[in-house]
Amino acid sequence: MGSRPVDLGLPVFPRQLALVTKSSVASSDTPQTNLWLERSRLDGMMLGGVSYGIFALLTVQAAAALMQRPRYGGKIANNRIVLLFYIFITFVLGTISYAANARYTEMIWIDLRDISGGPLKLIESAMKYRINVIALAAYFIMSWCMQALLLHRCFIIWCRARSVMIPMIVFYIAMIAMSILILIQASTGTIFFKMNTMLLYFCMEIGFTLTYTILVTNRLLTMRSRMKQAVAQYNSSTYDTVVLMLIESAMLYSVFCVILIVSIALNFDGVSNLFNLSITSVQGISQLLIIIRVARGRAITREWSTRVTATSAAPTSIVFLSDITDGVNMERMDTPEQDGVPLYSVQSAKAAKAEACMA
């Protein structure tokens, strides 16, 4: 005996039935493997918003620290205008990159949602739209500025030694050339996830950052060792603080680069989507962490670096941002400590003022 449909007497509205049928067909036609790419784009944009918020907050803190009058004078007072201009330019570039990515995210699910292929098509062919090329260009220009600052710091610490300057400058020029090549390739509408040049660029970024960190850290540790040999009871906590600061700053950006390198190499497009939208702000955060501490006086001078290198004896005047008055060698300064870093002085006849130059 065959079964018959039971009429429950409920009203059926044609419009509601059409919507249910349409959504059922749409959901059945959408492969589950593609939903992860769409979710990763949306989640990546939210992660990018968080990182941009931190970047904006640190920019304000850095500007406030630089505009304060230095307690003990020094070179940071002379260089603060340059640093203020630097953080303004990088913030503008970071804002352009984030705004362009946010705008294209709106286009994916609002302005162009009815396009053939849907959001998935728009995500894969993002470089066909000029707004994404602008976001990528802003990221590269921001990288050029920040890498130039790293070069300046490295040359200061190494007293502009040619054996360090020439390889690092060549490395820097190669990265600029690679980024220009990527922009040319992206402007042709190439699928971003298929750009092997992007993988090479991130590898170069990692190499540049690690090389800079190793060079500067090695130099600081060598200077610390010479100071300990020259002064038996020398307190090296400031060296340790600066070294840890450099390593922490490099690690933050390097972790993101490593994740992107692995995801691009293994074709994990969703993971690339998730972290790529934050890379610009993360790079800015890494630099601002150093600039804020530099503005507060935790830096090293070129003159100080030269003196430590030139002689194995105790230098005539080495100090971290404190006023020096005549007195007994290796005495604790009367000036207050900054950020918990002890301030010591190795003195001769006359006093001198320290110059902060990590900027």
Protein backbone atom coordinates (compact mmCIF):
# COMPACT_ATOMS: atom_id res chain seq x y z
CA MET A 1 0.00 0.00 0.00
CA GLY A 2 1.64 3.24 -1.17
CA SER A 3 2.15 6.19 1.11
CA ARG A 4 0.39 9.43 0.37
CA PRO A 5 1.54 12.93 1.24
CA VAL A 6 -0.19 14.30 4.32
CA ASP A 7 -1.67 17.75 4.05
CA LEU A 8 -1.18 19.54 7.37
CA GLY A 9 -3.21 22.51 6.25
CA LEU A 10 -0.33 24.98 6.70
CA PRO A 11 -0.20 27.99 4.36
CA VAL A 12 2.57 27.95 1.79
CA PHE A 13 3.80 31.27 0.41
CA PRO A 14 5.30 31.05 -3.08
CA ARG A 15 7.98 33.68 -2.35
CA GLN A 16 9.22 31.88 0.76
CA LEU A 17 9.24 28.58 -1.08
CA ALA A 18 11.32 30.12 -3.88
CA LEU A 19 13.84 31.55 -1.43
CA VAL A 20 14.22 28.21 0.37
CA THR A 21 14.63 26.39 -2.92
CA LYS A 22 17.16 28.93 -4.20
CA SER A 23 19.27 28.81 -1.00
CA SER A 24 19.17 25.00 -1.04
CA VAL A 25 20.40 24.91 -4.60
CA ALA A 26 23.08 27.51 -3.91
CA SER A 27 24.37 25.68 -0.87
CA SER A 28 24.45 22.38 -2.70
CA ASP A 29 26.33 23.93 -5.63
CA THR A 30 29.00 25.55 -3.42
CA PRO A 31 31.91 23.20 -2.76
CA GLN A 32 32.84 23.02 0.91
CA THR A 33 36.53 23.35 0.03
CA ASN A 34 35.94 26.88 -1.27
CA LEU A 35 34.22 28.14 1.85
CA TRP A 36 37.50 28.05 3.80
CA LEU A 37 39.10 30.48 1.36
CA GLU A 38 36.19 32.89 1.76
CA ARG A 39 36.22 32.59 5.54
CA SER A 40 39.98 33.10 5.64
CA ARG A 41 39.62 36.34 3.67
CA LEU A 42 37.05 37.68 6.11
CA ASP A 43 38.94 36.47 9.19
CA GLY A 44 42.19 37.82 7.75
CA MET A 45 40.59 41.22 7.34
CA MET A 46 39.48 41.18 10.99
CA LEU A 47 42.98 40.16 12.07
CA GLY A 48 44.31 42.96 9.88
CA GLY A 49 42.00 45.39 11.68
CA VAL A 50 43.38 44.34 15.07
CA SER A 51 47.00 44.65 13.91
CA TYR A 52 46.27 48.04 12.32
CA GLY A 53 44.74 49.26 15.58
CA ILE A 54 47.90 48.28 17.47
CA PHE A 55 49.99 49.93 14.75
CA ALA A 56 47.99 53.16 15.06
CA LEU A 57 48.27 53.14 18.86
CA LEU A 58 52.04 52.64 18.78
CA THR A 59 52.35 55.40 16.19
CA VAL A 60 50.65 57.83 18.56
CA GLN A 61 52.87 56.69 21.44
CA ALA A 62 56.01 57.06 19.33
CA ALA A 63 55.00 60.55 18.19
CA ALA A 64 54.24 61.58 21.78
CA ALA A 65 57.59 60.23 23.01
CA LEU A 66 59.49 62.04 20.25
CA MET A 67 57.75 65.35 20.87
CA GLN A 68 58.69 65.33 24.54
CA ARG A 69 61.73 67.37 25.43
CA PRO A 70 64.66 65.03 26.18
CA ARG A 71 65.64 65.08 29.84
CA TYR A 72 69.36 65.00 29.24
CA GLY A 73 69.71 66.49 25.77
CA GLY A 74 71.53 64.52 23.12
CA LYS A 75 71.19 63.67 19.49
CA ILE A 76 67.67 62.34 19.78
CA ALA A 77 66.55 65.97 20.18
CA ASN A 78 68.14 66.82 16.83
CA ASN A 79 66.83 63.76 15.03
CA ARG A 80 63.29 63.75 16.33
CA ILE A 81 61.96 65.81 13.42
CA VAL A 82 63.30 63.19 11.00
CA LEU A 83 61.82 60.38 13.08
CA LEU A 84 58.47 62.14 13.30
CA PHE A 85 58.43 62.50 9.53
CA TYR A 86 59.39 58.84 9.20
CA ILE A 87 56.60 57.51 11.41
CA PHE A 88 54.11 59.84 9.68
CA ILE A 89 55.06 58.51 6.23
CA THR A 90 54.96 54.86 7.34
CA PHE A 91 51.61 55.39 9.07
CA VAL A 92 50.13 56.96 5.94
CA LEU A 93 51.39 54.05 3.81
CA GLY A 94 50.10 51.49 6.31
CA THR A 95 46.73 53.24 6.37
CA ILE A 96 46.51 53.24 2.57
CA SER A 97 47.27 49.52 2.47
CA TYR A 98 44.72 48.67 5.16
CA ALA A 99 42.03 50.94 3.68
CA ALA A 100 42.49 49.42 0.21
CA ASN A 101 42.20 45.89 1.59
CA ALA A 102 39.12 46.83 3.61
CA ARG A 103 37.50 48.44 0.59
CA TYR A 104 38.08 45.40 -1.59
CA THR A 105 36.63 43.18 1.13
CA GLU A 106 33.46 45.28 0.92
CA MET A 107 33.47 44.86 -2.85
CA ILE A 108 33.71 41.08 -2.54
CA TRP A 109 30.53 40.62 -0.51
CA ILE A 110 28.57 43.80 -1.29
CA ASP A 111 29.40 45.71 -4.48
CA LEU A 112 30.35 42.74 -6.69
CA ARG A 113 28.51 39.89 -4.98
CA ASP A 114 26.47 39.06 -8.09
CA ILE A 115 29.49 38.61 -10.32
CA SER A 116 29.91 35.27 -12.03
CA GLY A 117 31.88 32.98 -9.75
CA GLY A 118 30.92 34.83 -6.61
CA PRO A 119 33.28 35.87 -3.81
CA LEU A 120 35.64 33.00 -4.58
CA LYS A 121 36.31 34.35 -8.04
CA LEU A 122 36.97 37.84 -6.65
CA ILE A 123 39.39 36.52 -4.03
CA GLU A 124 41.39 34.52 -6.55
CA SER A 125 41.52 37.29 -9.15
CA ALA A 126 42.15 40.14 -6.69
CA MET A 127 45.09 41.55 -8.66
CA LYS A 128 42.82 42.30 -11.61
CA TYR A 129 41.49 45.20 -9.58
CA ARG A 130 43.72 48.24 -9.25
CA ILE A 131 42.86 48.84 -5.60
CA ASN A 132 44.76 45.68 -4.60
CA VAL A 133 47.80 46.71 -6.62
CA ILE A 134 47.74 50.02 -4.71
CA ALA A 135 47.63 48.13 -1.39
CA LEU A 136 50.59 45.99 -2.47
CA ALA A 137 52.54 49.04 -3.64
CA ALA A 138 51.95 50.79 -0.30
CA TYR A 139 53.30 47.72 1.51
CA PHE A 140 56.45 47.66 -0.61
CA ILE A 141 57.17 51.38 -0.25
CA MET A 142 56.66 51.08 3.49
CA SER A 143 59.11 48.16 3.50
CA TRP A 144 61.70 50.24 1.63
CA CYS A 145 61.48 52.98 4.26
CA MET A 146 61.77 50.57 7.16
CA GLN A 147 64.65 48.63 5.64
CA ALA A 148 66.46 51.93 5.04
CA LEU A 149 66.12 52.69 8.75
CA LEU A 150 67.55 49.25 9.59
CA LEU A 151 70.50 49.97 7.31
CA HIS A 152 71.11 53.29 9.04
CA ARG A 153 71.14 51.63 12.47
CA CYS A 154 73.43 48.87 11.27
CA PHE A 155 75.91 51.34 9.76
CA ILE A 156 75.89 53.42 12.96
CA ILE A 157 76.66 50.41 15.14
CA TRP A 158 79.38 49.19 12.73
CA CYS A 159 80.85 52.69 12.28
CA ARG A 160 80.12 52.51 8.53
CA ALA A 161 82.53 49.64 7.91
CA ARG A 162 82.67 48.87 4.18
CA SER A 163 82.68 45.13 4.80
CA VAL A 164 79.19 45.55 6.24
CA MET A 165 77.85 48.45 4.18
CA ILE A 166 78.47 47.06 0.68
CA PRO A 167 76.77 43.63 1.13
CA MET A 168 73.80 45.14 2.97
CA ILE A 169 73.29 47.87 0.36
CA VAL A 170 73.43 45.27 -2.45
CA PHE A 171 70.89 43.17 -0.54
CA TYR A 172 68.66 46.22 -0.13
CA ILE A 173 68.80 47.12 -3.82
CA ALA A 174 67.99 43.52 -4.78
CA MET A 175 64.89 43.61 -2.58
CA ILE A 176 63.72 46.84 -4.17
CA ALA A 177 64.22 45.35 -7.64
CA MET A 178 62.28 42.22 -6.65
CA SER A 179 59.38 44.24 -5.26
CA ILE A 180 59.18 46.29 -8.45
CA LEU A 181 59.11 43.07 -10.47
CA ILE A 182 56.24 41.79 -8.31
CA LEU A 183 54.28 45.01 -8.86
CA ILE A 184 54.73 44.69 -12.62
CA GLN A 185 53.60 41.09 -12.48
CA ALA A 186 50.62 41.93 -10.26
CA SER A 187 49.48 44.74 -12.55
CA THR A 188 48.92 42.17 -15.31
CA GLY A 189 46.22 40.47 -13.22
CA THR A 190 48.22 37.41 -12.18
CA ILE A 191 46.65 35.29 -9.42
CA PHE A 192 48.32 36.36 -6.19
CA PHE A 193 48.59 32.84 -4.77
CA LYS A 194 50.46 31.70 -7.89
CA MET A 195 53.14 34.39 -7.78
CA ASN A 196 56.40 32.57 -7.02
CA THR A 197 58.20 35.91 -6.94
CA MET A 198 56.25 36.76 -3.79
CA LEU A 199 57.66 33.65 -2.15
CA LEU A 200 61.18 34.74 -3.11
CA TYR A 201 60.57 38.23 -1.76
CA PHE A 202 59.47 36.95 1.65
CA CYS A 203 62.58 34.76 1.76
CA MET A 204 64.69 37.85 1.06
CA GLU A 205 62.83 39.73 3.79
CA ILE A 206 63.65 36.99 6.28
CA GLY A 207 67.30 36.96 5.15
CA PHE A 208 67.63 40.74 5.43
CA THR A 209 66.04 40.89 8.88
CA LEU A 210 68.09 38.00 10.25
CA THR A 211 71.32 39.40 8.78
CA TYR A 212 70.68 42.79 10.34
CA THR A 213 69.81 41.25 13.70
CA ILE A 214 72.89 39.01 13.73
CA LEU A 215 75.24 41.84 12.71
CA VAL A 216 73.96 44.31 15.27
CA THR A 217 73.62 41.76 18.08
CA ASN A 218 77.11 40.41 17.49
CA ARG A 219 78.51 43.95 17.52
CA LEU A 220 76.76 44.81 20.77
CA LEU A 221 77.89 41.63 22.49
CA THR A 222 81.47 42.29 21.38
CA MET A 223 81.30 45.82 22.77
CA ARG A 224 79.87 44.49 26.02
CA SER A 225 82.72 42.00 26.32
CA ARG A 226 85.32 44.75 25.78
CA MET A 227 83.68 46.95 28.37
CA LYS A 228 83.77 44.14 30.91
CA GLN A 229 87.47 43.65 30.20
CA ALA A 230 88.14 47.36 30.56
CA VAL A 231 86.04 47.86 33.70
CA ALA A 232 85.91 45.01 36.19
CA GLN A 233 82.52 45.86 37.70
CA TYR A 234 80.84 47.21 34.60
CA ASN A 235 77.08 46.66 34.55
CA SER A 236 76.10 45.28 31.14
CA SER A 237 72.34 45.26 31.67
CA THR A 238 71.83 48.00 29.09
CA TYR A 239 73.52 45.92 26.40
CA ASP A 240 71.31 42.98 27.29
CA THR A 241 68.21 45.16 27.10
CA VAL A 242 69.08 46.48 23.64
CA VAL A 243 69.92 43.00 22.32
CA LEU A 244 66.63 41.58 23.60
CA MET A 245 64.80 44.54 22.08
CA LEU A 246 66.28 43.84 18.66
CA ILE A 247 65.55 40.12 18.83
CA GLU A 248 61.95 40.64 19.95
CA SER A 249 61.34 43.16 17.17
CA ALA A 250 62.82 40.90 14.48
CA MET A 251 61.00 37.82 15.76
CA LEU A 252 57.53 39.34 15.45
CA TYR A 253 57.84 40.14 11.76
CA SER A 254 59.89 37.02 10.97
CA VAL A 255 57.18 34.71 12.34
CA PHE A 256 54.61 36.20 9.96
CA CYS A 257 57.03 35.93 7.04
CA VAL A 258 57.80 32.28 7.82
CA ILE A 259 54.08 31.45 7.97
CA LEU A 260 53.54 33.11 4.59
CA ILE A 261 56.57 31.36 3.05
CA VAL A 262 55.34 27.93 4.17
CA SER A 263 51.73 28.57 3.14
CA ILE A 264 52.68 29.87 -0.32
CA ALA A 265 55.16 27.04 -0.90
CA LEU A 266 52.60 24.39 0.10
CA ASN A 267 49.70 26.14 -1.70
CA PHE A 268 47.77 26.73 1.52
CA ASP A 269 45.87 29.66 0.03
CA GLY A 270 43.58 30.04 3.04
CA VAL A 271 46.49 30.44 5.46
CA SER A 272 48.11 32.97 3.11
CA ASN A 273 44.85 34.87 3.00
CA LEU A 274 44.63 34.85 6.79
CA PHE A 275 48.05 36.38 7.50
CA ASN A 276 48.84 38.38 4.36
CA LEU A 277 46.40 41.17 5.22
CA SER A 278 48.24 41.86 8.50
CA ILE A 279 51.83 41.81 7.26
CA THR A 280 52.02 45.57 6.61
CA SER A 281 50.89 46.54 10.10
CA VAL A 282 53.05 43.89 11.75
CA GLN A 283 56.14 45.26 10.02
CA GLY A 284 55.25 48.74 11.25
CA ILE A 285 54.72 47.47 14.80
CA SER A 286 58.17 45.85 14.82
CA GLN A 287 59.84 49.14 13.91
CA LEU A 288 57.80 51.27 16.29
CA LEU A 289 58.75 49.10 19.26
CA ILE A 290 62.37 50.15 18.68
CA ILE A 291 61.58 53.80 17.93
CA ILE A 292 59.61 54.21 21.15
CA ARG A 293 62.50 52.87 23.20
CA VAL A 294 64.95 55.02 21.27
CA ALA A 295 62.85 58.08 22.03
CA ARG A 296 63.00 57.16 25.72
CA GLY A 297 66.77 57.02 25.63
CA ARG A 298 67.61 53.32 25.31
CA ALA A 299 70.02 53.57 22.39
CA ILE A 300 73.66 53.54 21.43
CA THR A 301 75.79 56.29 20.00
CA ARG A 302 78.14 56.10 17.08
CA GLU A 303 80.77 58.03 19.04
CA TRP A 304 80.35 55.60 21.91
CA SER A 305 80.63 52.61 19.57
CA THR A 306 83.81 54.02 18.01
CA ARG A 307 85.44 54.63 21.36
CA VAL A 308 84.78 51.11 22.58
CA THR A 309 86.18 49.66 19.35
CA ALA A 310 89.26 51.87 19.17
CA THR A 311 90.72 51.04 22.55
CA SER A 312 90.78 48.16 24.96
CA ALA A 313 91.24 50.51 27.89
CA ALA A 314 88.39 52.18 29.66
CA PRO A 315 87.06 55.01 27.50
CA THR A 316 87.10 58.54 28.77
CA SER A 317 83.34 58.99 28.78
CA ILE A 318 80.66 56.37 28.18
CA VAL A 319 77.17 56.88 29.45
CA PHE A 320 73.55 56.11 28.65
CA LEU A 321 71.61 59.36 28.63
CA SER A 322 72.62 60.97 31.86
CA ASP A 323 74.34 64.20 32.83
CA ILE A 324 77.93 63.64 33.90
CA THR A 325 79.61 65.58 36.62
CA ASP A 326 83.12 65.21 37.98
CA GLY A 327 83.38 62.48 40.57
CA VAL A 328 84.56 58.98 41.30
CA ASN A 329 84.81 56.38 38.52
CA MET A 330 82.02 53.79 38.22
CA GLU A 331 79.76 55.56 40.67
CA ARG A 332 76.03 55.25 40.43
CA MET A 333 74.61 58.36 38.82
CA ASP A 334 72.27 60.59 40.81
CA THR A 335 69.95 60.93 37.83
CA PRO A 336 66.89 58.64 37.83
CA GLU A 337 66.87 55.41 35.84
CA GLN A 338 64.88 55.22 32.65
CA ASP A 339 62.63 52.18 32.13
CA GLY A 340 64.48 50.26 34.80
CA VAL A 341 67.85 50.42 33.00
CA PRO A 342 70.74 51.21 35.38
CA LEU A 343 72.86 54.17 34.35
CA TYR A 344 76.61 54.06 34.97
CA SER A 345 79.45 56.34 34.00
CA VAL A 346 83.14 55.85 33.28
CA GLN A 347 84.66 59.29 33.67
CA SER A 348 87.84 61.25 33.15
CA ALA A 349 88.45 64.91 33.89
CA LYS A 350 85.58 66.59 32.07
CA ALA A 351 81.94 65.82 31.60
CA ALA A 352 80.13 65.10 28.34
CA LYS A 353 76.60 64.48 27.33
CA ALA A 354 75.35 61.28 25.75
CA GLU A 355 73.90 61.10 22.27
CA ALA A 356 71.21 58.62 21.44
CA CYS A 357 71.66 57.43 17.87
CA MET A 358 69.83 54.17 17.28
CA ALA A 359 67.41 56.41 15.40
